[in-house]
N, C-alpha and C. Protein backbone atom coordinates (compact mmCIF):
# COMPACT_ATOMS: atom_id res chain seq x y z
N MET A 1 -5.27 -17.72 -1.04
CA MET A 1 -5.34 -16.30 -1.32
C MET A 1 -3.99 -15.66 -1.01
N ILE A 2 -3.74 -14.54 -1.68
CA ILE A 2 -2.48 -13.82 -1.56
C ILE A 2 -2.78 -12.41 -1.03
N LYS A 3 -1.96 -11.97 -0.07
CA LYS A 3 -2.10 -10.61 0.45
C LYS A 3 -0.84 -9.82 0.13
N LEU A 4 -1.03 -8.67 -0.49
CA LEU A 4 0.04 -7.72 -0.72
C LEU A 4 -0.01 -6.70 0.41
N THR A 5 1.09 -6.55 1.14
CA THR A 5 1.18 -5.56 2.20
C THR A 5 2.25 -4.56 1.81
N VAL A 6 1.88 -3.28 1.84
CA VAL A 6 2.80 -2.20 1.51
C VAL A 6 2.94 -1.33 2.75
N LEU A 7 4.19 -1.20 3.22
CA LEU A 7 4.47 -0.47 4.46
C LEU A 7 5.30 0.77 4.14
N TYR A 8 4.83 1.92 4.57
CA TYR A 8 5.54 3.18 4.36
C TYR A 8 6.20 3.59 5.66
N PRO A 9 7.54 3.44 5.77
CA PRO A 9 8.25 3.75 7.01
C PRO A 9 8.09 5.22 7.43
N ASN A 10 7.92 5.42 8.72
CA ASN A 10 7.78 6.76 9.30
C ASN A 10 9.19 7.29 9.58
N THR A 11 9.82 7.87 8.58
CA THR A 11 11.21 8.29 8.66
C THR A 11 11.32 9.80 8.89
N VAL A 12 12.50 10.23 9.30
CA VAL A 12 12.79 11.66 9.44
C VAL A 12 12.70 12.30 8.06
N GLY A 13 12.05 13.44 7.96
CA GLY A 13 11.91 14.14 6.69
C GLY A 13 10.82 13.57 5.79
N LEU A 14 9.99 12.70 6.34
CA LEU A 14 8.93 12.04 5.58
C LEU A 14 7.93 13.05 5.03
N LYS A 15 7.58 12.87 3.77
CA LYS A 15 6.46 13.58 3.15
C LYS A 15 5.43 12.50 2.82
N PHE A 16 4.21 12.67 3.28
CA PHE A 16 3.16 11.71 2.93
C PHE A 16 1.83 12.45 2.90
N ASP A 17 1.23 12.54 1.73
CA ASP A 17 -0.05 13.22 1.54
C ASP A 17 -1.16 12.18 1.65
N LYS A 18 -1.72 12.05 2.85
CA LYS A 18 -2.75 11.03 3.11
C LYS A 18 -3.99 11.25 2.25
N GLU A 19 -4.38 12.50 2.05
CA GLU A 19 -5.57 12.80 1.24
C GLU A 19 -5.37 12.30 -0.19
N TYR A 20 -4.22 12.61 -0.78
CA TYR A 20 -3.93 12.15 -2.14
C TYR A 20 -3.90 10.62 -2.17
N TYR A 21 -3.25 10.03 -1.19
CA TYR A 21 -3.11 8.57 -1.15
C TYR A 21 -4.48 7.89 -1.14
N VAL A 22 -5.37 8.38 -0.29
CA VAL A 22 -6.68 7.73 -0.15
C VAL A 22 -7.56 7.99 -1.37
N THR A 23 -7.56 9.22 -1.88
CA THR A 23 -8.48 9.54 -2.96
C THR A 23 -7.91 9.22 -4.34
N LYS A 24 -6.78 9.79 -4.67
CA LYS A 24 -6.24 9.64 -6.03
C LYS A 24 -5.50 8.31 -6.25
N HIS A 25 -4.57 7.97 -5.36
CA HIS A 25 -3.83 6.71 -5.53
C HIS A 25 -4.77 5.52 -5.36
N GLY A 26 -5.65 5.60 -4.39
CA GLY A 26 -6.64 4.53 -4.19
C GLY A 26 -7.49 4.32 -5.42
N GLN A 27 -7.93 5.42 -6.05
CA GLN A 27 -8.75 5.31 -7.26
C GLN A 27 -7.95 4.74 -8.41
N LEU A 28 -6.67 5.11 -8.50
CA LEU A 28 -5.80 4.55 -9.53
C LEU A 28 -5.74 3.03 -9.40
N LEU A 29 -5.57 2.55 -8.18
CA LEU A 29 -5.53 1.10 -7.96
C LEU A 29 -6.83 0.43 -8.36
N VAL A 30 -7.95 1.04 -8.00
CA VAL A 30 -9.25 0.48 -8.38
C VAL A 30 -9.38 0.45 -9.90
N ASP A 31 -9.01 1.55 -10.55
CA ASP A 31 -9.12 1.63 -12.01
C ASP A 31 -8.24 0.59 -12.70
N LEU A 32 -7.02 0.39 -12.19
CA LEU A 32 -6.08 -0.53 -12.85
C LEU A 32 -6.32 -2.00 -12.48
N LEU A 33 -6.70 -2.26 -11.24
CA LEU A 33 -6.78 -3.64 -10.76
C LEU A 33 -8.19 -4.19 -10.71
N GLY A 34 -9.17 -3.31 -10.56
CA GLY A 34 -10.58 -3.69 -10.60
C GLY A 34 -10.95 -4.86 -9.71
N ASP A 35 -11.63 -5.83 -10.31
CA ASP A 35 -12.17 -6.97 -9.58
C ASP A 35 -11.09 -7.94 -9.09
N ALA A 36 -9.85 -7.76 -9.50
CA ALA A 36 -8.79 -8.63 -9.01
C ALA A 36 -8.58 -8.44 -7.51
N ILE A 37 -8.92 -7.24 -7.02
CA ILE A 37 -8.81 -6.97 -5.58
C ILE A 37 -10.04 -7.55 -4.89
N ILE A 38 -9.82 -8.53 -4.02
CA ILE A 38 -10.93 -9.14 -3.27
C ILE A 38 -11.31 -8.27 -2.09
N SER A 39 -10.30 -7.74 -1.40
CA SER A 39 -10.53 -6.82 -0.30
C SER A 39 -9.28 -5.99 -0.09
N SER A 40 -9.45 -4.87 0.61
CA SER A 40 -8.30 -4.02 0.90
C SER A 40 -8.58 -3.21 2.16
N ASP A 41 -7.50 -2.73 2.77
CA ASP A 41 -7.64 -1.83 3.90
C ASP A 41 -6.39 -0.95 3.98
N VAL A 42 -6.57 0.21 4.59
CA VAL A 42 -5.48 1.16 4.78
C VAL A 42 -5.43 1.48 6.26
N ASN A 43 -4.25 1.35 6.85
CA ASN A 43 -4.05 1.60 8.28
C ASN A 43 -3.11 2.79 8.43
N MET A 44 -3.59 3.86 9.06
CA MET A 44 -2.78 5.04 9.31
C MET A 44 -2.15 4.92 10.69
N GLY A 45 -0.83 4.90 10.76
CA GLY A 45 -0.12 4.76 12.02
C GLY A 45 -0.37 5.95 12.95
N VAL A 46 -0.66 5.66 14.21
CA VAL A 46 -0.87 6.72 15.19
C VAL A 46 0.13 6.67 16.34
N ALA A 47 0.68 5.51 16.65
CA ALA A 47 1.64 5.40 17.76
C ALA A 47 2.39 4.08 17.65
N GLY A 48 3.53 4.02 18.35
CA GLY A 48 4.30 2.79 18.44
C GLY A 48 3.80 1.96 19.61
N GLY A 49 4.48 0.87 19.90
CA GLY A 49 4.07 -0.04 20.96
C GLY A 49 4.30 0.48 22.36
N ALA A 50 5.27 1.36 22.52
CA ALA A 50 5.56 1.93 23.84
C ALA A 50 4.91 3.31 23.94
N PRO A 51 4.59 3.73 25.15
CA PRO A 51 3.95 5.04 25.32
C PRO A 51 4.78 6.17 24.71
N ASP A 52 4.08 7.07 24.07
CA ASP A 52 4.69 8.28 23.50
C ASP A 52 5.77 8.02 22.45
N THR A 53 5.65 6.90 21.73
CA THR A 53 6.57 6.64 20.63
C THR A 53 5.83 6.74 19.31
N PRO A 54 6.50 7.23 18.28
CA PRO A 54 5.83 7.34 16.99
C PRO A 54 5.61 5.96 16.35
N ALA A 55 4.60 5.88 15.52
CA ALA A 55 4.34 4.65 14.77
C ALA A 55 5.53 4.36 13.86
N PRO A 56 5.96 3.12 13.77
CA PRO A 56 7.09 2.81 12.88
C PRO A 56 6.73 2.98 11.40
N TYR A 57 5.44 2.91 11.08
CA TYR A 57 4.98 3.08 9.71
C TYR A 57 3.88 4.13 9.70
N VAL A 58 3.97 5.07 8.75
CA VAL A 58 2.95 6.10 8.64
C VAL A 58 1.67 5.50 8.04
N VAL A 59 1.85 4.54 7.13
CA VAL A 59 0.71 3.85 6.50
C VAL A 59 1.10 2.41 6.23
N ILE A 60 0.14 1.52 6.46
CA ILE A 60 0.25 0.12 6.05
C ILE A 60 -1.00 -0.18 5.25
N ALA A 61 -0.81 -0.63 4.02
CA ALA A 61 -1.94 -0.95 3.15
C ALA A 61 -1.90 -2.42 2.78
N ASN A 62 -3.07 -3.03 2.69
CA ASN A 62 -3.19 -4.44 2.33
C ASN A 62 -4.19 -4.61 1.19
N MET A 63 -3.87 -5.49 0.27
CA MET A 63 -4.80 -5.89 -0.79
C MET A 63 -4.77 -7.40 -0.90
N VAL A 64 -5.93 -8.00 -0.98
CA VAL A 64 -6.03 -9.45 -1.09
C VAL A 64 -6.45 -9.82 -2.51
N PHE A 65 -5.75 -10.83 -3.04
CA PHE A 65 -6.01 -11.35 -4.39
C PHE A 65 -6.31 -12.84 -4.29
N GLU A 66 -7.05 -13.36 -5.23
CA GLU A 66 -7.44 -14.76 -5.23
C GLU A 66 -6.24 -15.70 -5.27
N SER A 67 -5.23 -15.33 -6.06
CA SER A 67 -4.07 -16.21 -6.25
C SER A 67 -2.87 -15.39 -6.68
N MET A 68 -1.72 -16.01 -6.70
CA MET A 68 -0.52 -15.35 -7.18
C MET A 68 -0.68 -14.99 -8.65
N GLU A 69 -1.33 -15.83 -9.41
CA GLU A 69 -1.56 -15.55 -10.82
C GLU A 69 -2.43 -14.31 -10.99
N SER A 70 -3.47 -14.19 -10.20
CA SER A 70 -4.35 -13.03 -10.25
C SER A 70 -3.57 -11.76 -9.89
N PHE A 71 -2.73 -11.85 -8.86
CA PHE A 71 -1.89 -10.72 -8.47
C PHE A 71 -0.96 -10.32 -9.61
N GLU A 72 -0.26 -11.30 -10.18
CA GLU A 72 0.70 -11.03 -11.24
C GLU A 72 0.04 -10.43 -12.48
N HIS A 73 -1.15 -10.94 -12.84
CA HIS A 73 -1.83 -10.44 -14.03
C HIS A 73 -2.41 -9.04 -13.83
N SER A 74 -2.74 -8.69 -12.60
CA SER A 74 -3.32 -7.37 -12.36
C SER A 74 -2.26 -6.39 -11.88
N PHE A 75 -1.73 -6.60 -10.70
CA PHE A 75 -0.74 -5.67 -10.14
C PHE A 75 0.56 -5.71 -10.93
N GLY A 76 1.04 -6.90 -11.19
CA GLY A 76 2.30 -7.03 -11.92
C GLY A 76 2.28 -6.34 -13.27
N ALA A 77 1.17 -6.48 -13.97
CA ALA A 77 1.03 -5.89 -15.30
C ALA A 77 0.97 -4.36 -15.24
N ASN A 78 0.60 -3.80 -14.08
CA ASN A 78 0.44 -2.36 -13.93
C ASN A 78 1.45 -1.74 -12.96
N ALA A 79 2.44 -2.50 -12.57
CA ALA A 79 3.39 -2.04 -11.54
C ALA A 79 4.07 -0.72 -11.92
N GLU A 80 4.44 -0.54 -13.18
CA GLU A 80 5.10 0.70 -13.59
C GLU A 80 4.22 1.91 -13.35
N LYS A 81 2.95 1.82 -13.73
CA LYS A 81 2.01 2.93 -13.54
C LYS A 81 1.79 3.21 -12.06
N ILE A 82 1.67 2.15 -11.28
CA ILE A 82 1.44 2.29 -9.84
C ILE A 82 2.65 2.94 -9.18
N MET A 83 3.83 2.46 -9.48
CA MET A 83 5.05 2.99 -8.88
C MET A 83 5.32 4.43 -9.34
N ALA A 84 4.94 4.77 -10.55
CA ALA A 84 5.15 6.13 -11.06
C ALA A 84 4.33 7.15 -10.28
N ASP A 85 3.27 6.72 -9.60
CA ASP A 85 2.42 7.64 -8.84
C ASP A 85 2.98 7.94 -7.45
N LEU A 86 3.92 7.15 -6.96
CA LEU A 86 4.44 7.33 -5.60
C LEU A 86 4.96 8.75 -5.32
N PRO A 87 5.74 9.36 -6.21
CA PRO A 87 6.24 10.70 -5.91
C PRO A 87 5.14 11.75 -5.73
N ASN A 88 3.92 11.43 -6.16
CA ASN A 88 2.81 12.37 -5.99
C ASN A 88 2.32 12.43 -4.55
N PHE A 89 2.67 11.44 -3.73
CA PHE A 89 2.19 11.47 -2.34
C PHE A 89 3.25 11.16 -1.29
N THR A 90 4.43 10.67 -1.68
CA THR A 90 5.44 10.37 -0.66
C THR A 90 6.85 10.49 -1.20
N ASN A 91 7.78 10.67 -0.28
CA ASN A 91 9.19 10.69 -0.65
C ASN A 91 9.94 9.51 -0.03
N VAL A 92 9.20 8.54 0.49
CA VAL A 92 9.80 7.37 1.12
C VAL A 92 9.58 6.14 0.25
N GLN A 93 10.55 5.25 0.21
CA GLN A 93 10.44 4.00 -0.53
C GLN A 93 9.66 3.00 0.33
N PRO A 94 8.53 2.50 -0.15
CA PRO A 94 7.76 1.54 0.66
C PRO A 94 8.45 0.18 0.73
N GLN A 95 8.14 -0.53 1.79
CA GLN A 95 8.54 -1.93 1.92
C GLN A 95 7.34 -2.77 1.49
N VAL A 96 7.61 -3.88 0.85
CA VAL A 96 6.53 -4.71 0.30
C VAL A 96 6.70 -6.15 0.77
N GLN A 97 5.58 -6.77 1.12
CA GLN A 97 5.59 -8.19 1.45
C GLN A 97 4.37 -8.83 0.78
N ILE A 98 4.59 -9.99 0.19
CA ILE A 98 3.50 -10.81 -0.34
C ILE A 98 3.38 -12.03 0.55
N SER A 99 2.17 -12.27 1.02
CA SER A 99 1.94 -13.37 1.97
C SER A 99 0.83 -14.29 1.45
N GLU A 100 0.91 -15.52 1.88
CA GLU A 100 -0.16 -16.47 1.61
C GLU A 100 -1.09 -16.48 2.83
N LEU A 101 -2.38 -16.30 2.57
CA LEU A 101 -3.36 -16.36 3.66
C LEU A 101 -3.79 -17.80 3.87
N LEU A 102 -3.73 -18.25 5.08
CA LEU A 102 -4.10 -19.63 5.39
C LEU A 102 -5.48 -19.70 6.01
């Protein structure tokens, strides 16, 4: 299985509309990717590892796909539409990692 992790850095001047992200962007992903998504979760950063430090990421999102082929056929085929929605909820460039689940 393949996991896509998208990390939104908690930077100075950050704009991030959590309501839009969860409702509208989340629905866009469901509409475009459908059953290709095996599971997903969204983690809202609340604090860093040391006391009274901000979370390094405002949001970390994960989506699990059956295989790299499934990811490429679903997410890859819709990447332009997905990326075009980013300015609607954030002004930060996300970091992306694709991992193999063992």
